[in-house]
Amino acid sequence: MLKPPFLLYLGDIAEVTYAKTASGIAYWRPEVARGQMRFADSPADLGLPDMSIEEAVDAGIQTLVIGVASAGGVLPLHWIPHLKQALEAGLDVANGLHTRLEDIPELHDAARAGGSKLHDVRFPSRNFSVGTGDPRPGRRLLSVGTDCAVGKMYTSLALHKEMSARGIKTDFRATGQTGILIAGSGVSIDAVVADFISGAAEWLSPANEPDHWDVIEGQGSLFHPSYASVSMGLLHGSQPDAFVVCHEAGREHIHMDSLTRFPIPSLTDCIALNQEIGALTSPDIHCLGVSINTSRLSDSKARDYLARTEYELQLPCIDPVRTGVDSLVDRLESETW
C-alpha cells in the first residue's frame, strides 16, 4: 500500500503526454495529488503546485511517485539525486519503471538512512500459487479488449467511480503499474511468471460479500500475439460474472509496428471468444456491454457509431469520456446475479 498524499515527479520530460502515470493519478485521485516536482526548465505541467522536497515534507507529503514513462522504462541517472534527497527526507518513493530502485545501491542506502520505503510496483512483492478455478463468493467485472491501449484501465476506473457513487459495494483491482499507482495497491500482472497469472488474479479478487463487486483492470487481448497469455490468465483467475469489451473506433490492425499484419477482431468475435474461454472457470459469464474510444471521430460520427454498434449487438455501447458509463451500470443493477 502506498502512503498518500503524493508528490508527482515529472523530471525533465518535454511533454506532459509522457507523464501518463502522473496524469492518471492527478485525474482519478486529485485528493492525494498535492504537488508536482520537475526540473526548472521542464515545460511539462499538470497544473499542480510546484514543490521542492523540503516544501513537500512541510506540506505533509508521504510518497514521491515517479509519474513518467521514460524511454524503454529505464530510470534516467540524472534523476537519482532528487530521489535520494526524497528518501533521506523520509519520503517513500514509488516507481513503475522497468528499473528496480532497490537494485540501485545509492537509493537502497538512502531509504535505510531515512527510514523510507522503495515501492517497485512493477515487480510483485510476494509469491503466488497456481490458480485453482475454485468458485468463490462475491461478484467480479473484468474489462477485456480487442487490442492493447484501447481504454481498459480508464473504463474500469470510470465504472468503479459510478458504482461507488450509486452506493454499490465495489473495489477497483489494478493489474498494471499505472493502475496500481492510482489505486495504491494491486499486482502488475505482466511481471508475474506465466504459470501463476491466474493464481495472482484469484489473490487480487478474493472471496467477498455476495453483493460486492470487484472491478478488475484488464490487460492485453486474447487476439494479441504477444499478450494473449496475460489476458487469458486474468480471465480464468478473476472468474468474472461479467465483462466489458473495450475497443477503439477506426483501429483496423494491432497497435504495434511489428504486428500490423494482424487485424483487429470484430466485436462479435471478441465477445464470443472471451465468453467461451471465461466459461472454463465462470460458467455463467456474459458480456455486460461495450466501451469504445471514439476520440478519432467527430461528435456526430461518434454518436452514430455508438448507436449503430448498440443496435447491432443489442448491448449498451458507451464512450466513457463522451457519454459516461451510466448505461453499463444501469444494466448491471437491473440484472439478477
C-alpha atoms as a PDB file:
ATOM      1  CA  MET A   1       0.000   0.000   0.000  1.00  0.00           C
ATOM      2  CA  LEU A   2       1.296   3.458  -0.910  1.00  0.00           C
ATOM      3  CA  LYS A   3       1.018   6.206   1.675  1.00  0.00           C
ATOM      4  CA  PRO A   4      -0.796   9.344   0.453  1.00  0.00           C
ATOM      5  CA  PRO A   5      -0.617  12.207  -0.228  1.00  0.00           C
ATOM      6  CA  PHE A   6       1.694  12.137  -3.249  1.00  0.00           C
ATOM      7  CA  LEU A   7       4.292  14.372  -4.867  1.00  0.00           C
ATOM      8  CA  LEU A   8       4.233  13.577  -8.610  1.00  0.00           C
ATOM      9  CA  TYR A   9       7.707  13.542 -10.117  1.00  0.00           C
ATOM     10  CA  LEU A  10       7.961  14.738 -13.733  1.00  0.00           C
ATOM     11  CA  GLY A  11      11.736  15.019 -14.051  1.00  0.00           C
ATOM     12  CA  ASP A  12      12.740  16.860 -17.205  1.00  0.00           C
ATOM     13  CA  ILE A  13      10.261  15.447 -19.719  1.00  0.00           C
ATOM     14  CA  ALA A  14       9.470  17.654 -22.684  1.00  0.00           C
ATOM     15  CA  GLU A  15       5.720  16.974 -22.875  1.00  0.00           C
ATOM     16  CA  VAL A  16       3.070  16.060 -20.321  1.00  0.00           C
ATOM     17  CA  THR A  17       1.936  13.238 -22.632  1.00  0.00           C
ATOM     18  CA  TYR A  18       4.932  11.253 -21.354  1.00  0.00           C
ATOM     19  CA  ALA A  19       3.592  11.588 -17.808  1.00  0.00           C
ATOM     20  CA  LYS A  20       0.833   9.017 -18.230  1.00  0.00           C
ATOM     21  CA  THR A  21       1.069   7.776 -14.654  1.00  0.00           C
ATOM     22  CA  ALA A  22       1.197  11.238 -13.086  1.00  0.00           C
ATOM     23  CA  SER A  23      -1.680  12.435 -15.269  1.00  0.00           C
ATOM     24  CA  GLY A  24      -3.735   9.394 -14.294  1.00  0.00           C
ATOM     25  CA  ILE A  25      -3.202   9.987 -10.592  1.00  0.00           C
ATOM     26  CA  ALA A  26      -3.981  13.699 -10.912  1.00  0.00           C
ATOM     27  CA  TYR A  27      -7.226  12.917 -12.797  1.00  0.00           C
ATOM     28  CA  TRP A  28      -8.517   9.942 -10.825  1.00  0.00           C
ATOM     29  CA  ARG A  29      -7.190  10.767  -7.345  1.00  0.00           C
ATOM     30  CA  PRO A  30      -6.950  14.563  -7.126  1.00  0.00           C
ATOM     31  CA  GLU A  31      -7.381  14.377  -3.362  1.00  0.00           C
ATOM     32  CA  VAL A  32      -3.953  12.720  -2.975  1.00  0.00           C
ATOM     33  CA  ALA A  33      -2.098  14.562  -5.772  1.00  0.00           C
ATOM     34  CA  ARG A  34      -0.813  17.506  -3.711  1.00  0.00           C
ATOM     35  CA  GLY A  35       2.052  18.730  -5.871  1.00  0.00           C
ATOM     36  CA  GLN A  36       4.497  18.154  -8.702  1.00  0.00           C
ATOM     37  CA  MET A  37       8.288  18.215  -8.881  1.00  0.00           C
ATOM     38  CA  ARG A  38      10.179  18.901 -12.101  1.00  0.00           C
ATOM     39  CA  PHE A  39      13.424  20.351 -13.359  1.00  0.00           C
ATOM     40  CA  ALA A  40      13.402  24.127 -13.636  1.00  0.00           C
ATOM     41  CA  ASP A  41      13.477  24.088 -17.440  1.00  0.00           C
ATOM     42  CA  SER A  42      10.841  21.373 -17.916  1.00  0.00           C
ATOM     43  CA  PRO A  43       7.758  22.605 -19.815  1.00  0.00           C
ATOM     44  CA  ALA A  44       5.580  19.678 -18.679  1.00  0.00           C
ATOM     45  CA  ASP A  45       2.924  20.876 -16.247  1.00  0.00           C
ATOM     46  CA  LEU A  46      -0.015  19.112 -14.580  1.00  0.00           C
ATOM     47  CA  GLY A  47      -1.319  22.346 -13.109  1.00  0.00           C
ATOM     48  CA  LEU A  48      -0.351  21.277  -9.580  1.00  0.00           C
ATOM     49  CA  PRO A  49       1.776  23.337  -7.176  1.00  0.00           C
ATOM     50  CA  ASP A  50       5.497  23.009  -7.862  1.00  0.00           C
ATOM     51  CA  MET A  51       7.299  21.780  -4.747  1.00  0.00           C
ATOM     52  CA  SER A  52      10.825  21.096  -3.630  1.00  0.00           C
ATOM     53  CA  ILE A  53      11.491  18.127  -1.375  1.00  0.00           C
ATOM     54  CA  GLU A  54      11.588  20.438   1.643  1.00  0.00           C
ATOM     55  CA  GLU A  55       8.254  22.020   0.688  1.00  0.00           C
ATOM     56  CA  ALA A  56       6.722  18.605   0.126  1.00  0.00           C
ATOM     57  CA  VAL A  57       7.746  17.448   3.599  1.00  0.00           C
ATOM     58  CA  ASP A  58       6.314  20.625   5.127  1.00  0.00           C
ATOM     59  CA  ALA A  59       3.053  20.012   3.207  1.00  0.00           C
ATOM     60  CA  GLY A  60       2.692  16.529   4.690  1.00  0.00           C
ATOM     61  CA  ILE A  61       3.601  14.604   1.531  1.00  0.00           C
ATOM     62  CA  GLN A  62       4.269  10.928   2.272  1.00  0.00           C
ATOM     63  CA  THR A  63       5.282   9.444  -1.102  1.00  0.00           C
ATOM     64  CA  LEU A  64       7.097  10.711  -4.186  1.00  0.00           C
ATOM     65  CA  VAL A  65       5.688   8.942  -7.224  1.00  0.00           C
ATOM     66  CA  ILE A  66       7.730   8.718 -10.414  1.00  0.00           C
ATOM     67  CA  GLY A  67       4.955   9.653 -12.802  1.00  0.00           C
ATOM     68  CA  VAL A  68       6.762   9.314 -16.104  1.00  0.00           C
ATOM     69  CA  ALA A  69       7.104   6.558 -18.684  1.00  0.00           C
ATOM     70  CA  SER A  70      10.708   7.130 -19.751  1.00  0.00           C
ATOM     71  CA  ALA A  71      12.236   5.655 -22.917  1.00  0.00           C
ATOM     72  CA  GLY A  72      12.456   1.889 -22.508  1.00  0.00           C
ATOM     73  CA  GLY A  73      11.189   2.130 -18.950  1.00  0.00           C
ATOM     74  CA  VAL A  74      14.725   2.940 -17.771  1.00  0.00           C
ATOM     75  CA  LEU A  75      15.391   5.358 -14.901  1.00  0.00           C
ATOM     76  CA  PRO A  76      17.474   8.338 -16.128  1.00  0.00           C
ATOM     77  CA  LEU A  77      20.609   8.531 -13.993  1.00  0.00           C
ATOM     78  CA  HIS A  78      20.355  12.299 -13.507  1.00  0.00           C
ATOM     79  CA  TRP A  79      17.065  11.797 -11.633  1.00  0.00           C
ATOM     80  CA  ILE A  80      18.780   9.816  -8.863  1.00  0.00           C
ATOM     81  CA  PRO A  81      19.876  12.861  -6.760  1.00  0.00           C
ATOM     82  CA  HIS A  82      16.244  14.014  -6.448  1.00  0.00           C
ATOM     83  CA  LEU A  83      15.080  10.529  -5.453  1.00  0.00           C
ATOM     84  CA  LYS A  84      17.923  10.176  -2.952  1.00  0.00           C
ATOM     85  CA  GLN A  85      17.038  13.525  -1.407  1.00  0.00           C
ATOM     86  CA  ALA A  86      13.401  12.472  -1.047  1.00  0.00           C
ATOM     87  CA  LEU A  87      14.334   9.198   0.652  1.00  0.00           C
ATOM     88  CA  GLU A  88      16.751  10.871   3.044  1.00  0.00           C
ATOM     89  CA  ALA A  89      13.991  13.341   3.970  1.00  0.00           C
ATOM     90  CA  GLY A  90      11.719  10.455   4.977  1.00  0.00           C
ATOM     91  CA  LEU A  91       9.533  10.207   1.877  1.00  0.00           C
ATOM     92  CA  ASP A  92       8.743   6.855   0.318  1.00  0.00           C
ATOM     93  CA  VAL A  93       9.406   6.589  -3.423  1.00  0.00           C
ATOM     94  CA  ALA A  94       7.084   4.662  -5.772  1.00  0.00           C
ATOM     95  CA  ASN A  95       8.231   3.566  -9.187  1.00  0.00           C
ATOM     96  CA  GLY A  96       6.515   1.885 -12.136  1.00  0.00           C
ATOM     97  CA  LEU A  97       9.532   1.715 -14.435  1.00  0.00           C
ATOM     98  CA  HIS A  98      11.367  -1.431 -15.504  1.00  0.00           C
ATOM     99  CA  THR A  99      14.372  -0.310 -13.447  1.00  0.00           C
ATOM    100  CA  ARG A 100      14.309  -1.628  -9.878  1.00  0.00           C
ATOM    101  CA  LEU A 101      15.115   1.159  -7.437  1.00  0.00           C
ATOM    102  CA  GLU A 102      16.057  -1.494  -4.894  1.00  0.00           C
ATOM    103  CA  ASP A 103      18.914  -2.505  -7.196  1.00  0.00           C
ATOM    104  CA  ILE A 104      20.484   0.957  -7.094  1.00  0.00           C
ATOM    105  CA  PRO A 105      22.799   0.935  -4.032  1.00  0.00           C
ATOM    106  CA  GLU A 106      22.636   4.707  -3.653  1.00  0.00           C
ATOM    107  CA  LEU A 107      18.839   4.637  -3.314  1.00  0.00           C
ATOM    108  CA  HIS A 108      18.750   1.459  -1.253  1.00  0.00           C
ATOM    109  CA  ASP A 109      21.130   3.011   1.281  1.00  0.00           C
ATOM    110  CA  ALA A 110      19.251   6.336   1.290  1.00  0.00           C
ATOM    111  CA  ALA A 111      15.977   4.548   2.067  1.00  0.00           C
ATOM    112  CA  ARG A 112      17.547   2.789   5.027  1.00  0.00           C
ATOM    113  CA  ALA A 113      19.055   6.043   6.272  1.00  0.00           C
ATOM    114  CA  GLY A 114      15.772   7.917   6.033  1.00  0.00           C
ATOM    115  CA  GLY A 115      13.543   5.122   7.331  1.00  0.00           C
ATOM    116  CA  SER A 116      11.742   5.204   3.982  1.00  0.00           C
ATOM    117  CA  LYS A 117      10.431   2.559   1.602  1.00  0.00           C
ATOM    118  CA  LEU A 118      11.046   1.898  -2.066  1.00  0.00           C
ATOM    119  CA  HIS A 119       7.992   0.640  -3.949  1.00  0.00           C
ATOM    120  CA  ASP A 120       8.925  -1.008  -7.257  1.00  0.00           C
ATOM    121  CA  VAL A 121       5.309  -1.606  -8.172  1.00  0.00           C
ATOM    122  CA  ARG A 122       6.019  -3.273 -11.499  1.00  0.00           C
ATOM    123  CA  PHE A 123       7.556  -6.201  -9.638  1.00  0.00           C
ATOM    124  CA  PRO A 124       5.316  -8.296  -7.337  1.00  0.00           C
ATOM    125  CA  SER A 125       6.433  -8.236  -3.721  1.00  0.00           C
ATOM    126  CA  ARG A 126       5.051 -11.694  -2.969  1.00  0.00           C
ATOM    127  CA  ASN A 127       4.797 -15.155  -4.477  1.00  0.00           C
ATOM    128  CA  PHE A 128       1.544 -16.536  -5.844  1.00  0.00           C
ATOM    129  CA  SER A 129       0.076 -20.011  -6.030  1.00  0.00           C
ATOM    130  CA  VAL A 130      -1.169 -21.506  -9.257  1.00  0.00           C
ATOM    131  CA  GLY A 131      -4.833 -20.886  -9.994  1.00  0.00           C
ATOM    132  CA  THR A 132      -7.352 -23.374  -8.658  1.00  0.00           C
ATOM    133  CA  GLY A 133     -10.516 -22.419 -10.532  1.00  0.00           C
ATOM    134  CA  ASP A 134     -12.452 -22.945  -7.297  1.00  0.00           C
ATOM    135  CA  PRO A 135     -15.650 -20.859  -7.103  1.00  0.00           C
ATOM    136  CA  ARG A 136     -15.713 -18.065  -4.542  1.00  0.00           C
ATOM    137  CA  PRO A 137     -18.416 -15.658  -3.342  1.00  0.00           C
ATOM    138  CA  GLY A 138     -18.613 -12.065  -4.463  1.00  0.00           C
ATOM    139  CA  ARG A 139     -19.145 -10.563  -7.907  1.00  0.00           C
ATOM    140  CA  ARG A 140     -16.459  -9.618 -10.412  1.00  0.00           C
ATOM    141  CA  LEU A 141     -16.396  -7.462 -13.542  1.00  0.00           C
ATOM    142  CA  LEU A 142     -13.410  -7.588 -15.926  1.00  0.00           C
ATOM    143  CA  SER A 143     -12.514  -5.234 -18.762  1.00  0.00           C
ATOM    144  CA  VAL A 144     -11.213  -7.010 -21.879  1.00  0.00           C
ATOM    145  CA  GLY A 145     -10.113  -5.635 -25.225  1.00  0.00           C
ATOM    146  CA  THR A 146      -9.862  -6.070 -28.957  1.00  0.00           C
ATOM    147  CA  ASP A 147      -6.258  -4.852 -28.592  1.00  0.00           C
ATOM    148  CA  CYS A 148      -3.854  -3.176 -26.181  1.00  0.00           C
ATOM    149  CA  ALA A 149      -4.246   0.517 -25.317  1.00  0.00           C
ATOM    150  CA  VAL A 150      -7.976   0.742 -26.019  1.00  0.00           C
ATOM    151  CA  GLY A 151      -9.122   2.097 -22.652  1.00  0.00           C
ATOM    152  CA  LYS A 152      -9.421  -0.870 -20.304  1.00  0.00           C
ATOM    153  CA  MET A 153      -7.974   0.982 -17.295  1.00  0.00           C
ATOM    154  CA  TYR A 154      -9.984   4.147 -17.939  1.00  0.00           C
ATOM    155  CA  THR A 155     -13.191   2.163 -18.419  1.00  0.00           C
ATOM    156  CA  SER A 156     -12.610   0.152 -15.240  1.00  0.00           C
ATOM    157  CA  LEU A 157     -11.934   3.274 -13.183  1.00  0.00           C
ATOM    158  CA  ALA A 158     -14.994   5.025 -14.625  1.00  0.00           C
ATOM    159  CA  LEU A 159     -17.185   2.012 -13.799  1.00  0.00           C
ATOM    160  CA  HIS A 160     -15.815   1.824 -10.269  1.00  0.00           C
ATOM    161  CA  LYS A 161     -16.432   5.542  -9.742  1.00  0.00           C
ATOM    162  CA  GLU A 162     -20.037   5.366 -10.965  1.00  0.00           C
ATOM    163  CA  MET A 163     -20.775   2.193  -8.999  1.00  0.00           C
ATOM    164  CA  SER A 164     -19.370   3.773  -5.833  1.00  0.00           C
ATOM    165  CA  ALA A 165     -21.479   6.889  -6.406  1.00  0.00           C
ATOM    166  CA  ARG A 166     -24.594   4.686  -6.534  1.00  0.00           C
ATOM    167  CA  GLY A 167     -23.746   3.001  -3.252  1.00  0.00           C
ATOM    168  CA  ILE A 168     -22.726  -0.323  -4.778  1.00  0.00           C
ATOM    169  CA  LYS A 169     -20.108  -2.162  -2.754  1.00  0.00           C
ATOM    170  CA  THR A 170     -17.089  -2.160  -5.027  1.00  0.00           C
ATOM    171  CA  ASP A 171     -13.290  -2.148  -5.260  1.00  0.00           C
ATOM    172  CA  PHE A 172     -11.044  -1.346  -8.209  1.00  0.00           C
ATOM    173  CA  ARG A 173      -8.394  -4.048  -8.673  1.00  0.00           C
ATOM    174  CA  ALA A 174      -5.343  -2.745 -10.521  1.00  0.00           C
ATOM    175  CA  THR A 175      -3.263  -5.036 -12.727  1.00  0.00           C
ATOM    176  CA  GLY A 176      -0.800  -2.572 -14.303  1.00  0.00           C
ATOM    177  CA  GLN A 177       1.735  -0.158 -12.881  1.00  0.00           C
ATOM    178  CA  THR A 178      -0.291   2.987 -13.608  1.00  0.00           C
ATOM    179  CA  GLY A 179      -3.453   1.473 -12.154  1.00  0.00           C
ATOM    180  CA  ILE A 180      -1.517   0.395  -9.056  1.00  0.00           C
ATOM    181  CA  LEU A 181      -0.155   3.891  -8.510  1.00  0.00           C
ATOM    182  CA  ILE A 182      -3.665   5.324  -8.914  1.00  0.00           C
ATOM    183  CA  ALA A 183      -5.295   2.767  -6.611  1.00  0.00           C
ATOM    184  CA  GLY A 184      -2.411   2.470  -4.156  1.00  0.00           C
ATOM    185  CA  SER A 185      -2.270  -1.323  -4.439  1.00  0.00           C
ATOM    186  CA  GLY A 186      -2.586  -4.167  -6.928  1.00  0.00           C
ATOM    187  CA  VAL A 187      -0.498  -6.626  -8.946  1.00  0.00           C
ATOM    188  CA  SER A 188       1.415  -5.767 -12.117  1.00  0.00           C
ATOM    189  CA  ILE A 189       0.205  -8.899 -13.832  1.00  0.00           C
ATOM    190  CA  ASP A 190       2.648  -8.715 -16.763  1.00  0.00           C
ATOM    191  CA  ALA A 191       5.533  -9.270 -14.316  1.00  0.00           C
ATOM    192  CA  VAL A 192       4.062 -12.493 -12.882  1.00  0.00           C
ATOM    193  CA  VAL A 193       5.538 -15.811 -14.081  1.00  0.00           C
ATOM    194  CA  ALA A 194       3.094 -17.321 -16.581  1.00  0.00           C
ATOM    195  CA  ASP A 195       2.116 -20.367 -14.513  1.00  0.00           C
ATOM    196  CA  PHE A 196       0.967 -18.121 -11.668  1.00  0.00           C
ATOM    197  CA  ILE A 197      -1.024 -15.422 -13.507  1.00  0.00           C
ATOM    198  CA  SER A 198      -4.411 -16.992 -12.816  1.00  0.00           C
ATOM    199  CA  GLY A 199      -3.406 -17.564  -9.188  1.00  0.00           C
ATOM    200  CA  ALA A 200      -2.385 -13.911  -8.880  1.00  0.00           C
ATOM    201  CA  ALA A 201      -5.771 -12.870 -10.283  1.00  0.00           C
ATOM    202  CA  GLU A 202      -7.519 -15.101  -7.729  1.00  0.00           C
ATOM    203  CA  TRP A 203      -5.495 -13.494  -4.937  1.00  0.00           C
ATOM    204  CA  LEU A 204      -6.229  -9.996  -6.248  1.00  0.00           C
ATOM    205  CA  SER A 205     -10.006 -10.531  -6.332  1.00  0.00           C
ATOM    206  CA  PRO A 206     -10.681 -12.742  -3.298  1.00  0.00           C
ATOM    207  CA  ALA A 207     -13.890 -14.096  -1.809  1.00  0.00           C
ATOM    208  CA  ASN A 208     -16.186 -11.302  -0.711  1.00  0.00           C
ATOM    209  CA  GLU A 209     -19.770 -10.468   0.250  1.00  0.00           C
ATOM    210  CA  PRO A 210     -22.347 -11.777  -2.247  1.00  0.00           C
ATOM    211  CA  ASP A 211     -23.317  -8.262  -3.369  1.00  0.00           C
ATOM    212  CA  HIS A 212     -19.769  -6.885  -3.554  1.00  0.00           C
ATOM    213  CA  TRP A 213     -18.233  -6.136  -6.980  1.00  0.00           C
ATOM    214  CA  ASP A 214     -14.543  -6.216  -7.816  1.00  0.00           C
ATOM    215  CA  VAL A 215     -13.873  -4.188 -10.970  1.00  0.00           C
ATOM    216  CA  ILE A 216     -10.727  -5.724 -12.417  1.00  0.00           C
ATOM    217  CA  GLU A 217      -8.489  -3.818 -14.805  1.00  0.00           C
ATOM    218  CA  GLY A 218      -7.851  -5.902 -17.917  1.00  0.00           C
ATOM    219  CA  GLN A 219      -4.594  -6.267 -19.834  1.00  0.00           C
ATOM    220  CA  GLY A 220      -3.784  -7.091 -23.436  1.00  0.00           C
ATOM    221  CA  SER A 221      -6.210  -9.008 -25.639  1.00  0.00           C
ATOM    222  CA  LEU A 222      -6.943 -12.632 -26.451  1.00  0.00           C
ATOM    223  CA  PHE A 223      -6.309 -11.612 -30.069  1.00  0.00           C
ATOM    224  CA  HIS A 224      -2.871 -10.098 -29.443  1.00  0.00           C
ATOM    225  CA  PRO A 225       0.025 -12.384 -30.478  1.00  0.00           C
ATOM    226  CA  SER A 226       2.268 -11.004 -27.727  1.00  0.00           C
ATOM    227  CA  TYR A 227      -0.071 -10.602 -24.757  1.00  0.00           C
ATOM    228  CA  ALA A 228      -2.893 -13.114 -25.131  1.00  0.00           C
ATOM    229  CA  SER A 229      -1.439 -15.279 -22.358  1.00  0.00           C
ATOM    230  CA  VAL A 230      -1.784 -12.475 -19.805  1.00  0.00           C
ATOM    231  CA  SER A 231      -5.363 -11.819 -20.941  1.00  0.00           C
ATOM    232  CA  MET A 232      -6.266 -15.488 -20.621  1.00  0.00           C
ATOM    233  CA  GLY A 233      -4.717 -15.807 -17.156  1.00  0.00           C
ATOM    234  CA  LEU A 234      -6.685 -12.798 -15.944  1.00  0.00           C
ATOM    235  CA  LEU A 235      -9.882 -14.167 -17.454  1.00  0.00           C
ATOM    236  CA  HIS A 236      -9.506 -17.574 -15.785  1.00  0.00           C
ATOM    237  CA  GLY A 237      -8.262 -16.272 -12.433  1.00  0.00           C
ATOM    238  CA  SER A 238     -10.670 -13.393 -11.923  1.00  0.00           C
ATOM    239  CA  GLN A 239     -13.649 -15.636 -12.749  1.00  0.00           C
ATOM    240  CA  PRO A 240     -15.740 -12.661 -13.842  1.00  0.00           C
ATOM    241  CA  ASP A 241     -19.509 -12.771 -13.739  1.00  0.00           C
ATOM    242  CA  ALA A 242     -19.458 -10.140 -16.479  1.00  0.00           C
ATOM    243  CA  PHE A 243     -17.007  -8.442 -18.805  1.00  0.00           C
ATOM    244  CA  VAL A 244     -16.938  -5.211 -20.788  1.00  0.00           C
ATOM    245  CA  VAL A 245     -15.251  -5.205 -24.194  1.00  0.00           C
ATOM    246  CA  CYS A 246     -13.061  -2.170 -24.873  1.00  0.00           C
ATOM    247  CA  HIS A 247     -12.285  -1.039 -28.417  1.00  0.00           C
ATOM    248  CA  GLU A 248     -11.018   1.965 -30.376  1.00  0.00           C
ATOM    249  CA  ALA A 249     -13.184   3.139 -33.243  1.00  0.00           C
ATOM    250  CA  GLY A 250     -11.295   3.111 -36.538  1.00  0.00           C
ATOM    251  CA  ARG A 251      -8.445   0.867 -35.432  1.00  0.00           C
ATOM    252  CA  GLU A 252      -8.006  -1.880 -38.017  1.00  0.00           C
ATOM    253  CA  HIS A 253      -4.746  -3.585 -37.046  1.00  0.00           C
ATOM    254  CA  ILE A 254      -2.852  -4.475 -33.865  1.00  0.00           C
ATOM    255  CA  HIS A 255      -1.343  -1.301 -32.427  1.00  0.00           C
ATOM    256  CA  MET A 256       2.317  -2.357 -32.606  1.00  0.00           C
ATOM    257  CA  ASP A 257       4.577  -1.561 -35.559  1.00  0.00           C
ATOM    258  CA  SER A 258       5.829  -5.146 -35.826  1.00  0.00           C
ATOM    259  CA  LEU A 259       2.341  -6.687 -35.678  1.00  0.00           C
ATOM    260  CA  THR A 260       0.227  -4.619 -38.045  1.00  0.00           C
ATOM    261  CA  ARG A 261      -0.345  -7.699 -40.234  1.00  0.00           C
ATOM    262  CA  PHE A 262      -2.748  -8.943 -37.553  1.00  0.00           C
ATOM    263  CA  PRO A 263      -6.260  -7.478 -37.934  1.00  0.00           C
ATOM    264  CA  ILE A 264      -8.408  -6.253 -35.075  1.00  0.00           C
ATOM    265  CA  PRO A 265     -11.218  -8.762 -34.439  1.00  0.00           C
ATOM    266  CA  SER A 266     -14.856  -7.860 -34.796  1.00  0.00           C
ATOM    267  CA  LEU A 267     -16.661  -7.023 -31.572  1.00  0.00           C
ATOM    268  CA  THR A 268     -18.856 -10.082 -32.102  1.00  0.00           C
ATOM    269  CA  ASP A 269     -15.827 -12.381 -32.316  1.00  0.00           C
ATOM    270  CA  CYS A 270     -14.198 -10.720 -29.305  1.00  0.00           C
ATOM    271  CA  ILE A 271     -17.313 -11.184 -27.186  1.00  0.00           C
ATOM    272  CA  ALA A 272     -17.705 -14.806 -28.265  1.00  0.00           C
ATOM    273  CA  LEU A 273     -14.091 -15.812 -27.575  1.00  0.00           C
ATOM    274  CA  ASN A 274     -13.936 -14.137 -24.152  1.00  0.00           C
ATOM    275  CA  GLN A 275     -17.198 -15.790 -23.206  1.00  0.00           C
ATOM    276  CA  GLU A 276     -16.043 -19.202 -24.427  1.00  0.00           C
ATOM    277  CA  ILE A 277     -12.682 -19.096 -22.639  1.00  0.00           C
ATOM    278  CA  GLY A 278     -14.043 -17.445 -19.497  1.00  0.00           C
ATOM    279  CA  ALA A 279     -16.685 -20.160 -19.117  1.00  0.00           C
ATOM    280  CA  LEU A 280     -13.983 -22.613 -18.014  1.00  0.00           C
ATOM    281  CA  THR A 281     -13.930 -21.067 -14.524  1.00  0.00           C
ATOM    282  CA  SER A 282     -17.083 -18.918 -14.665  1.00  0.00           C
ATOM    283  CA  PRO A 283     -19.823 -20.897 -16.473  1.00  0.00           C
ATOM    284  CA  ASP A 284     -22.365 -18.056 -16.421  1.00  0.00           C
ATOM    285  CA  ILE A 285     -20.008 -15.330 -17.686  1.00  0.00           C
ATOM    286  CA  HIS A 286     -21.519 -12.876 -20.161  1.00  0.00           C
ATOM    287  CA  CYS A 287     -20.838  -9.530 -21.784  1.00  0.00           C
ATOM    288  CA  LEU A 288     -22.286  -6.530 -19.951  1.00  0.00           C
ATOM    289  CA  GLY A 289     -21.639  -4.109 -22.805  1.00  0.00           C
ATOM    290  CA  VAL A 290     -19.049  -2.332 -24.920  1.00  0.00           C
ATOM    291  CA  SER A 291     -16.789   0.658 -24.191  1.00  0.00           C
ATOM    292  CA  ILE A 292     -15.487   2.434 -27.286  1.00  0.00           C
ATOM    293  CA  ASN A 293     -12.824   5.109 -27.559  1.00  0.00           C
ATOM    294  CA  THR A 294     -14.275   7.445 -30.192  1.00  0.00           C
ATOM    295  CA  SER A 295     -11.618  10.149 -29.856  1.00  0.00           C
ATOM    296  CA  ARG A 296     -10.777   9.961 -33.574  1.00  0.00           C
ATOM    297  CA  LEU A 297     -14.365  10.766 -34.551  1.00  0.00           C
ATOM    298  CA  SER A 298     -16.354  13.983 -34.573  1.00  0.00           C
ATOM    299  CA  ASP A 299     -19.212  14.284 -32.101  1.00  0.00           C
ATOM    300  CA  SER A 300     -21.853  13.429 -34.701  1.00  0.00           C
ATOM    301  CA  LYS A 301     -19.908  10.485 -36.121  1.00  0.00           C
ATOM    302  CA  ALA A 302     -19.220   9.212 -32.621  1.00  0.00           C
ATOM    303  CA  ARG A 303     -22.926   9.307 -31.752  1.00  0.00           C
ATOM    304  CA  ASP A 304     -23.768   7.411 -34.937  1.00  0.00           C
ATOM    305  CA  TYR A 305     -21.035   4.841 -34.338  1.00  0.00           C
ATOM    306  CA  LEU A 306     -22.184   4.162 -30.774  1.00  0.00           C
ATOM    307  CA  ALA A 307     -25.852   3.965 -31.762  1.00  0.00           C
ATOM    308  CA  ARG A 308     -25.182   1.641 -34.689  1.00  0.00           C
ATOM    309  CA  THR A 309     -22.969  -0.654 -32.593  1.00  0.00           C
ATOM    310  CA  GLU A 310     -25.532  -0.772 -29.794  1.00  0.00           C
ATOM    311  CA  TYR A 311     -28.249  -1.716 -32.280  1.00  0.00           C
ATOM    312  CA  GLU A 312     -26.120  -4.412 -33.938  1.00  0.00           C
ATOM    313  CA  LEU A 313     -25.012  -6.035 -30.681  1.00  0.00           C
ATOM    314  CA  GLN A 314     -28.141  -5.343 -28.622  1.00  0.00           C
ATOM    315  CA  LEU A 315     -25.844  -4.324 -25.762  1.00  0.00           C
ATOM    316  CA  PRO A 316     -25.156  -0.984 -24.071  1.00  0.00           C
ATOM    317  CA  CYS A 317     -22.414   0.802 -26.006  1.00  0.00           C
ATOM    318  CA  ILE A 318     -20.688   3.838 -24.499  1.00  0.00           C
ATOM    319  CA  ASP A 319     -17.623   6.038 -24.708  1.00  0.00           C
ATOM    320  CA  PRO A 320     -16.576   6.602 -21.069  1.00  0.00           C
ATOM    321  CA  VAL A 321     -15.310  10.115 -21.887  1.00  0.00           C
ATOM    322  CA  ARG A 322     -18.088  11.323 -24.174  1.00  0.00           C
ATOM    323  CA  THR A 323     -21.137   9.578 -22.712  1.00  0.00           C
ATOM    324  CA  GLY A 324     -20.090   8.211 -19.333  1.00  0.00           C
ATOM    325  CA  VAL A 325     -20.780   4.662 -18.202  1.00  0.00           C
ATOM    326  CA  ASP A 326     -24.289   5.055 -16.785  1.00  0.00           C
ATOM    327  CA  SER A 327     -25.963   2.613 -19.172  1.00  0.00           C
ATOM    328  CA  LEU A 328     -23.471  -0.128 -18.291  1.00  0.00           C
ATOM    329  CA  VAL A 329     -24.104   0.323 -14.577  1.00  0.00           C
ATOM    330  CA  ASP A 330     -27.857   0.534 -15.225  1.00  0.00           C
ATOM    331  CA  ARG A 331     -27.708  -2.904 -16.813  1.00  0.00           C
ATOM    332  CA  LEU A 332     -25.540  -4.273 -14.015  1.00  0.00           C
ATOM    333  CA  GLU A 333     -28.091  -3.076 -11.453  1.00  0.00           C
ATOM    334  CA  SER A 334     -31.060  -4.395 -13.423  1.00  0.00           C
ATOM    335  CA  GLU A 335     -29.820  -7.967 -13.731  1.00  0.00           C
ATOM    336  CA  THR A 336     -30.342 -10.763 -11.240  1.00  0.00           C
ATOM    337  CA  TRP A 337     -26.950 -12.128 -10.284  1.00  0.00           C
END
